[in-house]
Amino acid sequence: MSFRVIFRPRARDDIAAATAWLAQGSPAAAARWRSGLFHIVEKLETNPTLYPGADEATDLGVDLRELLYGRRPRVYRILFTITGQTVNVLRVRHAAQDRLKPGDV
């Protein structure tokens, strides 16, 4: 069963901001990070239910799941929901950032 992955506007903004920040140190590393992110998100096309619920899912009242990307100290949380056959990537946040609040989704 194949799922369609959609990056919501805030997720696209998160990716752009992280890429810009990483590019300050190394544009090549930023490009590799971005490419790797999109590569790992392909895993969501086959079975997104394999990934655990995010810590804040209960607080938000949403079946929010997460896929971790990167190595310490540069771990990012890819936060998504599943609606039918669609995976909605809502946010891409550094693991050190605060938990999502209702207005962050």
C-alpha atoms as a PDB file:
ATOM      1  CA  MET A   1       0.000   0.000   0.000  1.00  0.00           C
ATOM      2  CA  SER A   2       1.424   3.346  -1.022  1.00  0.00           C
ATOM      3  CA  PHE A   3       0.881   6.624   0.814  1.00  0.00           C
ATOM      4  CA  ARG A   4       1.088  10.112  -0.607  1.00  0.00           C
ATOM      5  CA  VAL A   5       3.371  12.441   1.384  1.00  0.00           C
ATOM      6  CA  ILE A   6       2.481  16.128   1.499  1.00  0.00           C
ATOM      7  CA  PHE A   7       4.658  18.801   3.098  1.00  0.00           C
ATOM      8  CA  ARG A   8       2.445  21.431   4.678  1.00  0.00           C
ATOM      9  CA  PRO A   9       3.545  25.110   4.493  1.00  0.00           C
ATOM     10  CA  ARG A  10       4.981  25.212   8.019  1.00  0.00           C
ATOM     11  CA  ALA A  11       7.061  22.095   7.335  1.00  0.00           C
ATOM     12  CA  ARG A  12       8.404  23.654   4.133  1.00  0.00           C
ATOM     13  CA  ASP A  13       9.239  26.821   6.096  1.00  0.00           C
ATOM     14  CA  ASP A  14      10.978  24.734   8.781  1.00  0.00           C
ATOM     15  CA  ILE A  15      13.086  22.969   6.147  1.00  0.00           C
ATOM     16  CA  ALA A  16      14.022  26.246   4.480  1.00  0.00           C
ATOM     17  CA  ALA A  17      15.025  27.809   7.815  1.00  0.00           C
ATOM     18  CA  ALA A  18      17.118  24.796   8.861  1.00  0.00           C
ATOM     19  CA  THR A  19      18.811  24.652   5.466  1.00  0.00           C
ATOM     20  CA  ALA A  20      19.629  28.374   5.610  1.00  0.00           C
ATOM     21  CA  TRP A  21      21.014  28.035   9.131  1.00  0.00           C
ATOM     22  CA  LEU A  22      23.170  25.031   8.201  1.00  0.00           C
ATOM     23  CA  ALA A  23      24.374  26.791   5.038  1.00  0.00           C
ATOM     24  CA  GLN A  24      25.985  29.498   7.159  1.00  0.00           C
ATOM     25  CA  GLY A  25      28.571  26.926   8.208  1.00  0.00           C
ATOM     26  CA  SER A  26      28.712  24.871   5.042  1.00  0.00           C
ATOM     27  CA  PRO A  27      26.484  25.186   1.980  1.00  0.00           C
ATOM     28  CA  ALA A  28      27.504  21.677   0.899  1.00  0.00           C
ATOM     29  CA  ALA A  29      26.520  20.208   4.288  1.00  0.00           C
ATOM     30  CA  ALA A  30      23.205  22.045   4.136  1.00  0.00           C
ATOM     31  CA  ALA A  31      22.512  20.591   0.689  1.00  0.00           C
ATOM     32  CA  ARG A  32      23.375  17.078   1.929  1.00  0.00           C
ATOM     33  CA  TRP A  33      21.115  17.540   4.977  1.00  0.00           C
ATOM     34  CA  ARG A  34      18.188  18.653   2.811  1.00  0.00           C
ATOM     35  CA  SER A  35      18.685  15.837   0.312  1.00  0.00           C
ATOM     36  CA  GLY A  36      18.947  13.282   3.118  1.00  0.00           C
ATOM     37  CA  LEU A  37      15.784  14.612   4.733  1.00  0.00           C
ATOM     38  CA  PHE A  38      13.766  14.115   1.568  1.00  0.00           C
ATOM     39  CA  HIS A  39      15.304  10.671   1.114  1.00  0.00           C
ATOM     40  CA  ILE A  40      14.325   9.496   4.609  1.00  0.00           C
ATOM     41  CA  VAL A  41      10.809  10.895   4.232  1.00  0.00           C
ATOM     42  CA  GLU A  42      10.338   8.424   1.377  1.00  0.00           C
ATOM     43  CA  LYS A  43      10.014   5.785   4.118  1.00  0.00           C
ATOM     44  CA  LEU A  44       6.670   7.339   4.994  1.00  0.00           C
ATOM     45  CA  GLU A  45       5.327   6.352   1.581  1.00  0.00           C
ATOM     46  CA  THR A  46       5.345   2.656   2.431  1.00  0.00           C
ATOM     47  CA  ASN A  47       4.300   2.302   6.068  1.00  0.00           C
ATOM     48  CA  PRO A  48       4.027   5.471   8.153  1.00  0.00           C
ATOM     49  CA  THR A  49       2.279   3.609  10.978  1.00  0.00           C
ATOM     50  CA  LEU A  50       5.636   2.051  11.934  1.00  0.00           C
ATOM     51  CA  TYR A  51       6.716   5.325  13.502  1.00  0.00           C
ATOM     52  CA  PRO A  52       5.818   6.162  17.098  1.00  0.00           C
ATOM     53  CA  GLY A  53       3.521   8.818  18.396  1.00  0.00           C
ATOM     54  CA  ALA A  54       5.112  12.133  19.278  1.00  0.00           C
ATOM     55  CA  ASP A  55       5.338  13.059  22.953  1.00  0.00           C
ATOM     56  CA  GLU A  56       2.909  15.934  22.602  1.00  0.00           C
ATOM     57  CA  ALA A  57       0.260  13.992  20.631  1.00  0.00           C
ATOM     58  CA  THR A  58      -1.981  13.464  23.659  1.00  0.00           C
ATOM     59  CA  ASP A  59      -1.719  17.105  24.742  1.00  0.00           C
ATOM     60  CA  LEU A  60      -2.637  18.280  21.242  1.00  0.00           C
ATOM     61  CA  GLY A  61      -5.406  15.714  20.777  1.00  0.00           C
ATOM     62  CA  VAL A  62      -3.966  14.664  17.426  1.00  0.00           C
ATOM     63  CA  ASP A  63      -2.513  11.341  16.261  1.00  0.00           C
ATOM     64  CA  LEU A  64       0.815  13.066  15.722  1.00  0.00           C
ATOM     65  CA  ARG A  65       3.728  10.777  14.865  1.00  0.00           C
ATOM     66  CA  GLU A  66       7.423  11.401  14.445  1.00  0.00           C
ATOM     67  CA  LEU A  67      10.306  10.184  12.353  1.00  0.00           C
ATOM     68  CA  LEU A  68      13.760  11.109  13.625  1.00  0.00           C
ATOM     69  CA  TYR A  69      16.397  12.237  11.145  1.00  0.00           C
ATOM     70  CA  GLY A  70      20.072  12.910  11.696  1.00  0.00           C
ATOM     71  CA  ARG A  71      22.765  12.110  14.220  1.00  0.00           C
ATOM     72  CA  ARG A  72      23.440  13.771  17.518  1.00  0.00           C
ATOM     73  CA  PRO A  73      23.627  16.671  18.029  1.00  0.00           C
ATOM     74  CA  ARG A  74      21.781  17.388  14.777  1.00  0.00           C
ATOM     75  CA  VAL A  75      18.648  15.285  15.228  1.00  0.00           C
ATOM     76  CA  TYR A  76      15.443  16.594  13.686  1.00  0.00           C
ATOM     77  CA  ARG A  77      11.891  15.453  14.349  1.00  0.00           C
ATOM     78  CA  ILE A  78       9.700  15.037  11.275  1.00  0.00           C
ATOM     79  CA  LEU A  79       6.193  15.425  12.711  1.00  0.00           C
ATOM     80  CA  PHE A  80       3.298  14.070  10.692  1.00  0.00           C
ATOM     81  CA  THR A  81      -0.268  12.831  10.726  1.00  0.00           C
ATOM     82  CA  ILE A  82      -1.921  10.151   8.615  1.00  0.00           C
ATOM     83  CA  THR A  83      -5.283  10.773   6.973  1.00  0.00           C
ATOM     84  CA  GLY A  84      -6.450   7.864   4.839  1.00  0.00           C
ATOM     85  CA  GLN A  85      -3.673   7.300   2.300  1.00  0.00           C
ATOM     86  CA  THR A  86      -2.089  10.718   2.876  1.00  0.00           C
ATOM     87  CA  VAL A  87       0.810  11.519   5.171  1.00  0.00           C
ATOM     88  CA  ASN A  88       0.782  15.186   6.151  1.00  0.00           C
ATOM     89  CA  VAL A  89       4.207  16.402   7.244  1.00  0.00           C
ATOM     90  CA  LEU A  90       3.281  19.247   9.572  1.00  0.00           C
ATOM     91  CA  ARG A  91       6.617  20.328  11.020  1.00  0.00           C
ATOM     92  CA  VAL A  92      10.340  19.563  10.882  1.00  0.00           C
ATOM     93  CA  ARG A  93      11.950  20.665  14.129  1.00  0.00           C
ATOM     94  CA  HIS A  94      15.293  20.254  15.818  1.00  0.00           C
ATOM     95  CA  ALA A  95      15.014  17.788  18.704  1.00  0.00           C
ATOM     96  CA  ALA A  96      16.277  20.452  21.136  1.00  0.00           C
ATOM     97  CA  GLN A  97      13.335  22.739  20.374  1.00  0.00           C
ATOM     98  CA  ASP A  98      10.432  22.930  22.814  1.00  0.00           C
ATOM     99  CA  ARG A  99       7.474  20.599  22.389  1.00  0.00           C
ATOM    100  CA  LEU A 100       4.736  21.731  20.036  1.00  0.00           C
ATOM    101  CA  LYS A 101       1.865  23.766  21.437  1.00  0.00           C
ATOM    102  CA  PRO A 102      -1.632  23.942  19.902  1.00  0.00           C
ATOM    103  CA  GLY A 103      -0.734  26.998  17.797  1.00  0.00           C
ATOM    104  CA  ASP A 104       2.385  25.303  16.400  1.00  0.00           C
ATOM    105  CA  VAL A 105       0.552  22.692  14.338  1.00  0.00           C
END
